[in-house]
Amino acid sequence: MAIRPVTEKDIEEIRALWLADPLCVRAMNAVDDSPEGLARYLRRNPDTCFLAEEDGAVRGVILAGHDGRRGLFHHLCVAEAWRRRGIATELVRHAEDALRVQGIQKVLLTVFRDNVAANAFWEKAGYPARADLNYRNRALR
């Protein structure tokens, strides 16, 4: 399994990975996760997004970026048949290391409350849930 930076050439394979998993589909946004939205994200964050591949096929991906102050993880996803092999842990490690290089010292992420497996993964990875915050958002279009 090789871990490497994501490029715009990977967008369709990444979207196919996400679309094959109902939990990933639920987290997708029609604008931000469109091919154009992903290309924009990758141009802004060219050194912090990674994928795992074997035999030329994408097995997992993490999108990571920052605002100059805080890092943010988006869409960590590993193909179902490839889970429980340490791929997600390696993707997170690569993203964390890349963010550290850019001076980022804290990372945040969101997980659906009912995604038991994802919440267990993040807890084990050292990302405890915060009960003192409310997540809020607003579409600007």
Protein backbone atom coordinates (compact mmCIF):
# COMPACT_ATOMS: atom_id res chain seq x y z
CA MET A 1 0.00 0.00 0.00
CA ALA A 2 1.44 3.37 -1.02
CA ILE A 3 0.43 6.68 0.54
CA ARG A 4 0.87 9.71 -1.72
CA PRO A 5 -0.45 13.25 -2.15
CA VAL A 6 -3.76 13.64 -3.94
CA THR A 7 -3.74 15.37 -7.33
CA GLU A 8 -6.56 16.68 -9.47
CA LYS A 9 -6.15 13.58 -11.65
CA ASP A 10 -7.43 11.51 -8.70
CA ILE A 11 -10.75 13.32 -8.30
CA GLU A 12 -12.98 10.89 -10.18
CA GLU A 13 -11.53 7.86 -8.37
CA ILE A 14 -11.93 9.59 -5.02
CA ARG A 15 -15.53 10.46 -5.80
CA ALA A 16 -16.16 6.84 -6.84
CA LEU A 17 -14.74 5.66 -3.49
CA TRP A 18 -17.03 8.03 -1.62
CA LEU A 19 -20.10 7.21 -3.72
CA ALA A 20 -19.62 3.49 -3.01
CA ASP A 21 -20.07 4.05 0.73
CA PRO A 22 -23.44 5.25 2.09
CA LEU A 23 -21.78 6.90 5.11
CA CYS A 24 -19.48 8.89 2.83
CA VAL A 25 -22.32 9.81 0.49
CA ARG A 26 -24.26 11.23 3.42
CA ALA A 27 -21.36 13.59 4.19
CA MET A 28 -20.98 14.82 0.61
CA ASN A 29 -22.02 18.28 -0.48
CA ALA A 30 -23.12 18.81 -4.10
CA VAL A 31 -21.02 21.98 -4.48
CA ASP A 32 -17.93 21.37 -2.37
CA ASP A 33 -17.56 17.72 -3.37
CA SER A 34 -18.23 18.24 -7.07
CA PRO A 35 -15.22 17.76 -9.36
CA GLU A 36 -14.84 21.55 -9.55
CA GLY A 37 -15.15 21.97 -5.78
CA LEU A 38 -12.57 19.27 -5.13
CA ALA A 39 -10.17 20.75 -7.67
CA ARG A 40 -10.48 24.12 -5.92
CA TYR A 41 -9.82 22.48 -2.55
CA LEU A 42 -6.76 20.64 -3.86
CA ARG A 43 -5.32 23.81 -5.40
CA ARG A 44 -5.67 25.52 -2.02
CA ASN A 45 -4.28 22.52 -0.08
CA PRO A 46 -1.83 20.81 -2.44
CA ASP A 47 0.45 19.35 0.26
CA THR A 48 -1.99 18.15 2.92
CA CYS A 49 -4.35 15.71 1.15
CA PHE A 50 -3.38 12.05 0.79
CA LEU A 51 -4.59 8.80 -0.68
CA ALA A 52 -3.72 5.17 -0.22
CA GLU A 53 -3.43 3.11 -3.35
CA GLU A 54 -2.55 -0.40 -4.29
CA ASP A 55 -2.14 -1.70 -7.83
CA GLY A 56 -3.22 1.71 -9.11
CA ALA A 57 -6.56 1.65 -7.27
CA VAL A 58 -7.53 4.15 -4.58
CA ARG A 59 -8.22 2.33 -1.31
CA GLY A 60 -8.53 5.35 0.98
CA VAL A 61 -8.30 9.14 1.11
CA ILE A 62 -8.14 12.04 3.53
CA LEU A 63 -8.62 15.68 2.63
CA ALA A 64 -6.89 18.04 5.04
CA GLY A 65 -6.47 21.77 4.96
CA HIS A 66 -6.07 24.76 7.22
CA ASP A 67 -6.84 28.43 7.58
CA GLY A 68 -3.36 29.34 8.81
CA ARG A 69 -4.38 28.71 12.39
CA ARG A 70 -6.33 25.44 12.67
CA GLY A 71 -6.23 22.30 10.57
CA LEU A 72 -9.40 20.62 9.38
CA PHE A 73 -9.90 17.04 8.24
CA HIS A 74 -12.55 16.29 5.64
CA HIS A 75 -13.77 12.98 4.30
CA LEU A 76 -11.47 10.34 5.71
CA CYS A 77 -12.71 7.28 3.88
CA VAL A 78 -11.29 3.79 3.34
CA ALA A 79 -12.94 1.29 1.01
CA GLU A 80 -14.96 -1.15 3.08
CA ALA A 81 -13.00 -4.23 1.96
CA TRP A 82 -9.74 -2.53 3.00
CA ARG A 83 -10.72 -1.37 6.50
CA ARG A 84 -9.06 -2.53 9.73
CA ARG A 85 -5.61 -2.69 8.09
CA GLY A 86 -4.19 0.56 9.42
CA ILE A 87 -4.84 2.56 6.24
CA ALA A 88 -6.90 5.28 7.96
CA THR A 89 -4.27 5.60 10.68
CA GLU A 90 -1.53 6.08 8.08
CA LEU A 91 -3.58 8.63 6.14
CA VAL A 92 -4.20 10.61 9.32
CA ARG A 93 -0.50 10.45 10.24
CA HIS A 94 0.52 11.78 6.82
CA ALA A 95 -2.03 14.60 7.03
CA GLU A 96 -0.99 15.51 10.59
CA ASP A 97 2.69 15.57 9.58
CA ALA A 98 1.94 17.76 6.56
CA LEU A 99 -0.03 20.20 8.70
CA ARG A 100 2.77 20.33 11.31
CA VAL A 101 5.24 21.27 8.55
CA GLN A 102 2.97 24.24 7.79
CA GLY A 103 2.94 25.34 11.43
CA ILE A 104 -0.49 23.98 12.33
CA GLN A 105 -0.71 22.70 15.90
CA LYS A 106 -4.38 21.77 16.28
CA VAL A 107 -6.81 19.87 14.04
CA LEU A 108 -10.58 19.69 14.10
CA LEU A 109 -13.07 17.48 12.32
CA THR A 110 -16.74 16.58 12.32
CA VAL A 111 -18.28 13.11 12.50
CA PHE A 112 -21.95 12.15 12.42
CA ARG A 113 -22.97 11.11 15.94
CA ASP A 114 -24.49 7.85 14.70
CA ASN A 115 -21.35 6.78 12.79
CA VAL A 116 -20.20 4.41 15.51
CA ALA A 117 -17.16 3.04 13.67
CA ALA A 118 -15.85 6.48 12.71
CA ASN A 119 -16.34 7.85 16.21
CA ALA A 120 -14.52 4.86 17.69
CA PHE A 121 -11.65 5.34 15.21
CA TRP A 122 -11.23 9.02 16.01
CA GLU A 123 -11.43 8.42 19.76
CA LYS A 124 -8.70 5.76 19.50
CA ALA A 125 -6.64 8.12 17.31
CA GLY A 126 -6.61 10.70 20.10
CA TYR A 127 -9.43 12.98 18.92
CA PRO A 128 -11.94 13.12 21.79
CA ALA A 129 -15.46 14.41 21.24
CA ARG A 130 -16.18 17.92 22.52
CA ALA A 131 -19.43 18.26 24.45
CA ASP A 132 -18.93 21.98 25.07
CA LEU A 133 -19.32 23.13 21.44
CA ASN A 134 -22.16 23.35 18.94
CA TYR A 135 -21.39 22.85 15.27
CA ARG A 136 -23.11 25.45 13.09
CA ASN A 137 -23.04 26.21 9.38
CA ARG A 138 -24.78 28.26 6.74
CA ALA A 139 -24.83 27.96 2.95
CA LEU A 140 -23.68 31.19 1.29
CA ARG A 141 -25.36 30.75 -2.05
